[in-house]
Amino acid sequence: MYFAQPSADIPPLEQLLEWSWPEWVTPPLNDGVEVFALPQRLTQALADAGSTELEELAARWTTRLRSDDGDDTTDDDPLAVLQGIARLAASAVSTGGRLYSWSF
């Protein structure tokens, strides 16, 4: 969404429902652990993103975090996080793989 229609604002619900979202590989379990695969479109966009695009995306992401949380800081460096994810995406694309995330 941030690549296709750059904005720090949340799009209308109808538009959000049209997007391709991550697919659960493992739905949330009792302990809260879940694994999902990012959409190929997002993986490709991250793999193809240049430093300027990642910087702009990090700025929009930070603006969104601040507007949602009302906080001026985050514990992480959004640009560094995006750069790391973009490297993983590039590796996934070059090997014909997918990009996965897990959380708990």
N, C-alpha and C. Protein backbone atom coordinates (compact mmCIF):
# COMPACT_ATOMS: atom_id res chain seq x y z
N MET A 1 0.83 -1.18 0.00
CA MET A 1 0.00 0.00 0.00
C MET A 1 0.88 1.24 0.00
N TYR A 2 1.94 1.25 0.83
CA TYR A 2 2.81 2.44 0.90
C TYR A 2 3.61 2.63 -0.38
N PHE A 3 3.91 1.54 -1.10
CA PHE A 3 4.63 1.67 -2.36
C PHE A 3 3.70 2.11 -3.49
N ALA A 4 2.52 1.48 -3.56
CA ALA A 4 1.60 1.73 -4.67
C ALA A 4 0.93 3.09 -4.58
N GLN A 5 0.59 3.51 -3.37
CA GLN A 5 -0.08 4.79 -3.18
C GLN A 5 0.55 5.49 -1.98
N PRO A 6 1.71 6.10 -2.18
CA PRO A 6 2.44 6.71 -1.06
C PRO A 6 1.61 7.72 -0.30
N SER A 7 1.43 7.44 0.99
CA SER A 7 0.69 8.34 1.86
C SER A 7 0.92 7.89 3.29
N ALA A 8 0.90 8.83 4.20
CA ALA A 8 0.99 8.48 5.62
C ALA A 8 -0.39 8.22 6.20
N ASP A 9 -1.43 8.47 5.39
CA ASP A 9 -2.80 8.29 5.86
C ASP A 9 -3.30 6.88 5.55
N ILE A 10 -4.22 6.42 6.37
CA ILE A 10 -4.85 5.12 6.14
C ILE A 10 -5.91 5.30 5.05
N PRO A 11 -5.89 4.44 4.02
CA PRO A 11 -6.92 4.53 2.98
C PRO A 11 -8.28 4.12 3.54
N PRO A 12 -9.34 4.42 2.81
CA PRO A 12 -10.68 4.00 3.23
C PRO A 12 -10.75 2.47 3.34
N LEU A 13 -11.62 1.98 4.20
CA LEU A 13 -11.76 0.55 4.45
C LEU A 13 -12.02 -0.23 3.17
N GLU A 14 -12.85 0.29 2.29
CA GLU A 14 -13.16 -0.40 1.03
C GLU A 14 -11.89 -0.66 0.23
N GLN A 15 -11.00 0.31 0.22
CA GLN A 15 -9.74 0.16 -0.52
C GLN A 15 -8.83 -0.85 0.16
N LEU A 16 -8.81 -0.84 1.48
CA LEU A 16 -7.98 -1.80 2.21
C LEU A 16 -8.41 -3.23 1.94
N LEU A 17 -9.72 -3.43 1.82
CA LEU A 17 -10.23 -4.78 1.60
C LEU A 17 -9.86 -5.33 0.22
N GLU A 18 -9.49 -4.46 -0.71
CA GLU A 18 -9.11 -4.88 -2.05
C GLU A 18 -7.65 -5.33 -2.15
N TRP A 19 -6.83 -5.00 -1.15
CA TRP A 19 -5.40 -5.31 -1.20
C TRP A 19 -5.14 -6.78 -0.92
N SER A 20 -4.02 -7.26 -1.45
CA SER A 20 -3.56 -8.61 -1.15
C SER A 20 -2.75 -8.54 0.14
N TRP A 21 -3.16 -9.31 1.13
CA TRP A 21 -2.52 -9.27 2.44
C TRP A 21 -1.68 -10.51 2.65
N PRO A 22 -0.81 -10.49 3.63
CA PRO A 22 0.00 -11.69 3.91
C PRO A 22 -0.88 -12.92 4.13
N GLU A 23 -0.34 -14.05 3.71
CA GLU A 23 -1.04 -15.32 3.88
C GLU A 23 -0.48 -16.02 5.11
N TRP A 24 -1.35 -16.52 5.96
CA TRP A 24 -0.88 -17.28 7.10
C TRP A 24 -0.32 -18.61 6.64
N VAL A 25 0.86 -18.91 7.07
CA VAL A 25 1.44 -20.23 6.87
C VAL A 25 1.05 -21.07 8.09
N THR A 26 1.11 -20.44 9.23
CA THR A 26 0.65 -21.03 10.50
C THR A 26 -0.22 -20.00 11.18
N PRO A 27 -1.52 -20.25 11.31
CA PRO A 27 -2.37 -19.28 11.99
C PRO A 27 -1.93 -19.13 13.45
N PRO A 28 -2.36 -18.07 14.09
CA PRO A 28 -1.96 -17.87 15.49
C PRO A 28 -2.29 -19.08 16.35
N LEU A 29 -1.29 -19.52 17.08
CA LEU A 29 -1.48 -20.64 17.99
C LEU A 29 -1.80 -20.12 19.38
N ASN A 30 -2.06 -21.02 20.29
CA ASN A 30 -2.43 -20.63 21.65
C ASN A 30 -1.38 -19.75 22.31
N ASP A 31 -0.11 -19.95 21.98
CA ASP A 31 0.94 -19.13 22.59
C ASP A 31 1.16 -17.83 21.84
N GLY A 32 0.35 -17.58 20.78
CA GLY A 32 0.43 -16.33 20.04
C GLY A 32 1.40 -16.35 18.87
N VAL A 33 2.11 -17.45 18.66
CA VAL A 33 3.06 -17.54 17.56
C VAL A 33 2.30 -17.71 16.25
N GLU A 34 2.73 -16.97 15.23
CA GLU A 34 2.14 -17.09 13.90
C GLU A 34 3.23 -16.88 12.86
N VAL A 35 3.04 -17.49 11.69
CA VAL A 35 3.97 -17.33 10.57
C VAL A 35 3.13 -16.95 9.36
N PHE A 36 3.59 -15.91 8.63
CA PHE A 36 2.87 -15.56 7.41
C PHE A 36 3.86 -15.24 6.30
N ALA A 37 3.39 -15.44 5.06
CA ALA A 37 4.18 -15.14 3.87
C ALA A 37 3.71 -13.81 3.31
N LEU A 38 4.66 -12.92 3.04
CA LEU A 38 4.31 -11.64 2.46
C LEU A 38 3.89 -11.83 1.00
N PRO A 39 2.98 -10.99 0.51
CA PRO A 39 2.57 -11.10 -0.89
C PRO A 39 3.78 -10.90 -1.82
N GLN A 40 3.76 -11.63 -2.93
CA GLN A 40 4.85 -11.52 -3.91
C GLN A 40 5.03 -10.09 -4.39
N ARG A 41 3.92 -9.37 -4.56
CA ARG A 41 3.98 -7.98 -5.04
C ARG A 41 4.80 -7.11 -4.07
N LEU A 42 4.58 -7.31 -2.77
CA LEU A 42 5.33 -6.55 -1.77
C LEU A 42 6.79 -6.99 -1.74
N THR A 43 7.02 -8.28 -1.81
CA THR A 43 8.40 -8.79 -1.81
C THR A 43 9.17 -8.21 -2.99
N GLN A 44 8.56 -8.20 -4.16
CA GLN A 44 9.21 -7.65 -5.35
C GLN A 44 9.45 -6.15 -5.20
N ALA A 45 8.47 -5.42 -4.67
CA ALA A 45 8.61 -3.97 -4.48
C ALA A 45 9.76 -3.67 -3.51
N LEU A 46 9.87 -4.44 -2.44
CA LEU A 46 10.97 -4.24 -1.50
C LEU A 46 12.31 -4.58 -2.14
N ALA A 47 12.34 -5.66 -2.91
CA ALA A 47 13.58 -6.08 -3.56
C ALA A 47 14.05 -5.03 -4.58
N ASP A 48 13.11 -4.37 -5.24
CA ASP A 48 13.44 -3.40 -6.28
C ASP A 48 13.66 -1.99 -5.74
N ALA A 49 13.30 -1.74 -4.49
CA ALA A 49 13.35 -0.39 -3.93
C ALA A 49 14.79 0.10 -3.80
N GLY A 50 15.01 1.33 -4.23
CA GLY A 50 16.30 1.98 -4.06
C GLY A 50 16.36 2.67 -2.72
N SER A 51 17.51 3.23 -2.41
CA SER A 51 17.69 3.87 -1.11
C SER A 51 16.73 5.04 -0.91
N THR A 52 16.47 5.82 -1.97
CA THR A 52 15.55 6.96 -1.85
C THR A 52 14.13 6.47 -1.54
N GLU A 53 13.70 5.42 -2.23
CA GLU A 53 12.36 4.88 -1.98
C GLU A 53 12.23 4.35 -0.55
N LEU A 54 13.27 3.68 -0.08
CA LEU A 54 13.23 3.17 1.29
C LEU A 54 13.22 4.30 2.31
N GLU A 55 13.98 5.36 2.04
CA GLU A 55 13.97 6.52 2.94
C GLU A 55 12.59 7.17 2.98
N GLU A 56 11.96 7.32 1.81
CA GLU A 56 10.62 7.91 1.75
C GLU A 56 9.61 7.02 2.45
N LEU A 57 9.73 5.72 2.24
CA LEU A 57 8.83 4.77 2.89
C LEU A 57 9.00 4.82 4.40
N ALA A 58 10.23 4.89 4.87
CA ALA A 58 10.50 4.98 6.31
C ALA A 58 9.90 6.25 6.89
N ALA A 59 9.98 7.34 6.16
CA ALA A 59 9.41 8.61 6.63
C ALA A 59 7.89 8.50 6.73
N ARG A 60 7.24 7.90 5.73
CA ARG A 60 5.78 7.72 5.78
C ARG A 60 5.40 6.78 6.92
N TRP A 61 6.18 5.74 7.11
CA TRP A 61 5.92 4.76 8.17
C TRP A 61 6.04 5.44 9.54
N THR A 62 7.08 6.24 9.71
CA THR A 62 7.29 6.94 10.98
C THR A 62 6.14 7.92 11.24
N THR A 63 5.71 8.64 10.21
CA THR A 63 4.58 9.56 10.35
C THR A 63 3.34 8.81 10.78
N ARG A 64 3.12 7.67 10.18
CA ARG A 64 1.95 6.84 10.52
C ARG A 64 2.04 6.35 11.95
N LEU A 65 3.21 5.87 12.37
CA LEU A 65 3.38 5.40 13.75
C LEU A 65 3.09 6.52 14.74
N ARG A 66 3.60 7.70 14.44
CA ARG A 66 3.39 8.83 15.34
C ARG A 66 1.92 9.23 15.40
N SER A 67 1.24 9.21 14.26
CA SER A 67 -0.18 9.60 14.27
C SER A 67 -1.04 8.55 14.95
N ASP A 68 -0.67 7.28 14.80
CA ASP A 68 -1.44 6.20 15.45
C ASP A 68 -1.15 6.11 16.94
N ASP A 69 0.13 6.21 17.30
CA ASP A 69 0.54 6.00 18.69
C ASP A 69 0.68 7.28 19.47
N GLY A 70 0.75 8.41 18.76
CA GLY A 70 0.95 9.68 19.45
C GLY A 70 2.33 9.79 20.07
N ASP A 71 3.26 8.99 19.58
CA ASP A 71 4.61 8.96 20.14
C ASP A 71 5.58 9.55 19.13
N ASP A 72 6.56 10.28 19.62
CA ASP A 72 7.55 10.89 18.73
C ASP A 72 8.70 9.97 18.37
N THR A 73 8.78 8.84 19.01
CA THR A 73 9.89 7.93 18.73
C THR A 73 9.39 6.50 18.65
N THR A 74 10.21 5.66 18.10
CA THR A 74 9.97 4.22 18.14
C THR A 74 11.23 3.59 18.72
N ASP A 75 11.12 2.35 19.14
CA ASP A 75 12.28 1.65 19.68
C ASP A 75 13.22 1.21 18.58
N ASP A 76 12.74 1.16 17.36
CA ASP A 76 13.54 0.70 16.24
C ASP A 76 13.82 1.85 15.29
N ASP A 77 14.77 1.65 14.42
CA ASP A 77 15.08 2.60 13.37
C ASP A 77 14.35 2.12 12.11
N PRO A 78 13.20 2.74 11.76
CA PRO A 78 12.42 2.24 10.62
C PRO A 78 13.22 2.10 9.33
N LEU A 79 14.13 3.02 9.05
CA LEU A 79 14.93 2.89 7.82
C LEU A 79 15.82 1.66 7.88
N ALA A 80 16.48 1.44 9.00
CA ALA A 80 17.35 0.26 9.13
C ALA A 80 16.54 -1.03 9.01
N VAL A 81 15.34 -1.04 9.59
CA VAL A 81 14.46 -2.21 9.49
C VAL A 81 14.10 -2.45 8.03
N LEU A 82 13.67 -1.40 7.33
CA LEU A 82 13.30 -1.55 5.92
C LEU A 82 14.48 -1.98 5.05
N GLN A 83 15.65 -1.44 5.32
CA GLN A 83 16.83 -1.83 4.54
C GLN A 83 17.13 -3.32 4.74
N GLY A 84 17.01 -3.79 5.97
CA GLY A 84 17.23 -5.21 6.24
C GLY A 84 16.20 -6.08 5.56
N ILE A 85 14.93 -5.67 5.62
CA ILE A 85 13.87 -6.44 4.97
C ILE A 85 14.04 -6.41 3.45
N ALA A 86 14.46 -5.27 2.91
CA ALA A 86 14.68 -5.17 1.46
C ALA A 86 15.80 -6.12 1.02
N ARG A 87 16.85 -6.24 1.83
CA ARG A 87 17.92 -7.20 1.51
C ARG A 87 17.38 -8.64 1.52
N LEU A 88 16.57 -8.96 2.52
CA LEU A 88 15.97 -10.30 2.56
C LEU A 88 15.05 -10.52 1.36
N ALA A 89 14.28 -9.50 0.99
CA ALA A 89 13.39 -9.61 -0.16
C ALA A 89 14.19 -9.83 -1.44
N ALA A 90 15.29 -9.10 -1.60
CA ALA A 90 16.13 -9.27 -2.79
C ALA A 90 16.68 -10.70 -2.86
N SER A 91 17.07 -11.23 -1.71
CA SER A 91 17.57 -12.61 -1.67
C SER A 91 16.46 -13.59 -2.02
N ALA A 92 15.26 -13.36 -1.50
CA ALA A 92 14.13 -14.24 -1.81
C ALA A 92 13.81 -14.21 -3.29
N VAL A 93 13.78 -13.02 -3.87
CA VAL A 93 13.47 -12.90 -5.30
C VAL A 93 14.54 -13.57 -6.15
N SER A 94 15.81 -13.36 -5.81
CA SER A 94 16.90 -13.91 -6.62
C SER A 94 16.97 -15.44 -6.56
N THR A 95 16.43 -16.03 -5.50
CA THR A 95 16.46 -17.48 -5.38
C THR A 95 15.10 -18.13 -5.70
N GLY A 96 14.12 -17.29 -6.07
CA GLY A 96 12.80 -17.82 -6.37
C GLY A 96 12.02 -18.20 -5.12
N GLY A 97 12.44 -17.68 -3.99
CA GLY A 97 11.78 -17.99 -2.72
C GLY A 97 10.72 -16.99 -2.35
N ARG A 98 10.28 -17.08 -1.13
CA ARG A 98 9.28 -16.18 -0.58
C ARG A 98 9.87 -15.47 0.62
N LEU A 99 9.18 -14.44 1.08
CA LEU A 99 9.58 -13.69 2.27
C LEU A 99 8.55 -13.99 3.35
N TYR A 100 9.03 -14.49 4.48
CA TYR A 100 8.17 -14.90 5.58
C TYR A 100 8.44 -14.06 6.81
N SER A 101 7.45 -14.01 7.67
CA SER A 101 7.59 -13.31 8.95
C SER A 101 6.92 -14.16 10.01
N TRP A 102 7.49 -14.14 11.20
CA TRP A 102 6.84 -14.81 12.32
C TRP A 102 6.78 -13.83 13.47
N SER A 103 5.80 -14.01 14.28
CA SER A 103 5.67 -13.15 15.45
C SER A 103 5.06 -13.94 16.59
N PHE A 104 5.20 -13.39 17.77
CA PHE A 104 4.56 -13.99 18.94
C PHE A 104 4.26 -12.92 19.95
